[in-house]
Amino acid sequence: MSNDVRQTQDPSEVPPQAVRPPAASAAGRTPRTRTGTAWFGICAAALLSIVLIIFMLQNTRGVRVHFLWMDGSLPLALALLIAAVGAAILTMVVGAARITQLRLLARRQRR
């Protein structure tokens, strides 16, 4: 008979490693799933939001901000949040440019 598991009809002829359920990992833990990863991400985002709210409530003192032609006063926490979001957007733009560059390079190498 063939060693191929798909062609084997008798379960006693299947190698032991093929009988092991695919859901069990080598360490005996449950596997990672998209739902579990999403749940972890939601919990992390909720905790981060709580920390951010506490930070903003503790830093309500107004600060004077001068940027290019704009000038104004706003709470310190809001100014820092705007700066962090701006930095994150800049990082995403640079990352997207790099990913596009790598995809074009990979496409050229496949041809």
Protein backbone atom coordinates (compact mmCIF):
# COMPACT_ATOMS: atom_id res chain seq x y z
CA MET A 1 0.00 0.00 0.00
CA SER A 2 1.01 3.60 -0.46
CA ASN A 3 2.32 5.74 2.41
CA ASP A 4 0.14 8.63 1.31
CA VAL A 5 -2.47 9.31 4.03
CA ARG A 6 -5.09 10.44 1.54
CA GLN A 7 -5.02 7.11 -0.30
CA THR A 8 -5.01 4.92 2.83
CA GLN A 9 -8.40 3.39 3.63
CA ASP A 10 -7.57 1.48 6.84
CA PRO A 11 -7.15 3.81 9.90
CA SER A 12 -4.65 1.38 11.46
CA GLU A 13 -2.27 2.05 8.54
CA VAL A 14 -2.19 5.83 9.04
CA PRO A 15 1.10 7.05 10.57
CA PRO A 16 0.73 8.34 14.18
CA GLN A 17 1.65 11.93 13.30
CA ALA A 18 -1.24 12.04 10.80
CA VAL A 19 -3.76 10.87 13.41
CA ARG A 20 -3.02 13.72 15.83
CA PRO A 21 -5.80 16.34 15.62
CA PRO A 22 -4.61 19.50 13.82
CA ALA A 23 -6.00 21.73 16.60
CA ALA A 24 -3.51 20.51 19.20
CA SER A 25 -0.07 22.09 19.14
CA ALA A 26 3.17 20.40 20.16
CA ALA A 27 3.04 21.90 23.67
CA GLY A 28 -0.54 20.70 24.25
CA ARG A 29 -1.94 24.25 24.21
CA THR A 30 -4.88 25.38 22.15
CA PRO A 31 -3.90 26.99 18.84
CA ARG A 32 -4.08 30.70 18.13
CA THR A 33 -7.12 31.75 16.14
CA ARG A 34 -8.20 34.97 14.48
CA THR A 35 -10.97 35.36 17.04
CA GLY A 36 -8.56 34.95 19.94
CA THR A 37 -6.15 37.43 18.38
CA ALA A 38 -8.99 39.90 17.82
CA TRP A 39 -10.12 39.47 21.43
CA PHE A 40 -6.59 40.17 22.68
CA GLY A 41 -6.40 43.27 20.45
CA ILE A 42 -9.73 44.58 21.72
CA CYS A 43 -8.65 44.08 25.36
CA ALA A 44 -5.33 45.80 24.73
CA ALA A 45 -7.08 48.72 22.99
CA ALA A 46 -9.55 49.06 25.88
CA LEU A 47 -6.74 49.16 28.45
CA LEU A 48 -4.80 51.66 26.35
CA SER A 49 -7.92 53.83 26.05
CA ILE A 50 -8.38 53.83 29.83
CA VAL A 51 -4.75 54.89 30.31
CA LEU A 52 -5.19 57.61 27.67
CA ILE A 53 -8.36 58.93 29.33
CA ILE A 54 -6.61 59.09 32.72
CA PHE A 55 -3.66 60.90 31.12
CA MET A 56 -5.94 63.43 29.44
CA LEU A 57 -7.90 64.07 32.66
CA GLN A 58 -4.67 64.73 34.57
CA ASN A 59 -3.24 67.09 31.93
CA THR A 60 -5.99 69.64 31.31
CA ARG A 61 -3.80 72.71 31.82
CA GLY A 62 -3.77 74.89 28.71
CA VAL A 63 -0.58 75.44 26.71
CA ARG A 64 0.25 77.90 23.95
CA VAL A 65 1.04 76.22 20.63
CA HIS A 66 2.76 77.83 17.63
CA PHE A 67 2.96 75.74 14.45
CA LEU A 68 3.75 77.28 11.06
CA TRP A 69 1.09 79.98 10.58
CA MET A 70 -1.20 78.60 13.30
CA ASP A 71 -1.23 79.91 16.82
CA GLY A 72 -3.50 78.97 19.68
CA SER A 73 -4.05 77.55 23.12
CA LEU A 74 -5.33 74.08 23.92
CA PRO A 75 -5.07 71.50 26.73
CA LEU A 76 -1.66 69.86 27.08
CA ALA A 77 -3.05 66.34 26.70
CA LEU A 78 -4.82 67.26 23.48
CA ALA A 79 -1.67 68.86 22.07
CA LEU A 80 0.33 65.71 22.88
CA LEU A 81 -2.40 63.49 21.43
CA ILE A 82 -2.43 65.48 18.19
CA ALA A 83 1.37 65.23 17.99
CA ALA A 84 1.25 61.46 18.57
CA VAL A 85 -1.44 60.94 15.93
CA GLY A 86 0.57 63.04 13.49
CA ALA A 87 3.66 60.94 14.15
CA ALA A 88 1.65 57.74 13.70
CA ILE A 89 0.26 58.97 10.36
CA LEU A 90 3.75 59.90 9.19
CA THR A 91 5.02 56.45 10.21
CA MET A 92 2.16 54.76 8.32
CA VAL A 93 2.91 56.79 5.17
CA VAL A 94 6.59 55.83 5.26
CA GLY A 95 5.67 52.18 5.98
CA ALA A 96 3.17 52.09 3.12
CA ALA A 97 5.80 53.52 0.77
CA ARG A 98 8.28 50.83 1.86
CA ILE A 99 5.71 48.04 1.45
CA THR A 100 4.88 49.32 -2.04
CA GLN A 101 8.59 49.43 -2.88
CA LEU A 102 9.09 45.83 -1.70
CA ARG A 103 6.03 44.59 -3.61
CA LEU A 104 7.28 46.18 -6.82
CA LEU A 105 10.71 44.61 -6.28
CA ALA A 106 9.15 41.19 -5.66
CA ARG A 107 6.97 41.51 -8.76
CA ARG A 108 10.03 42.38 -10.88
CA GLN A 109 11.96 39.41 -9.52
CA ARG A 110 9.12 37.00 -10.36
CA ARG A 111 9.22 38.03 -14.04
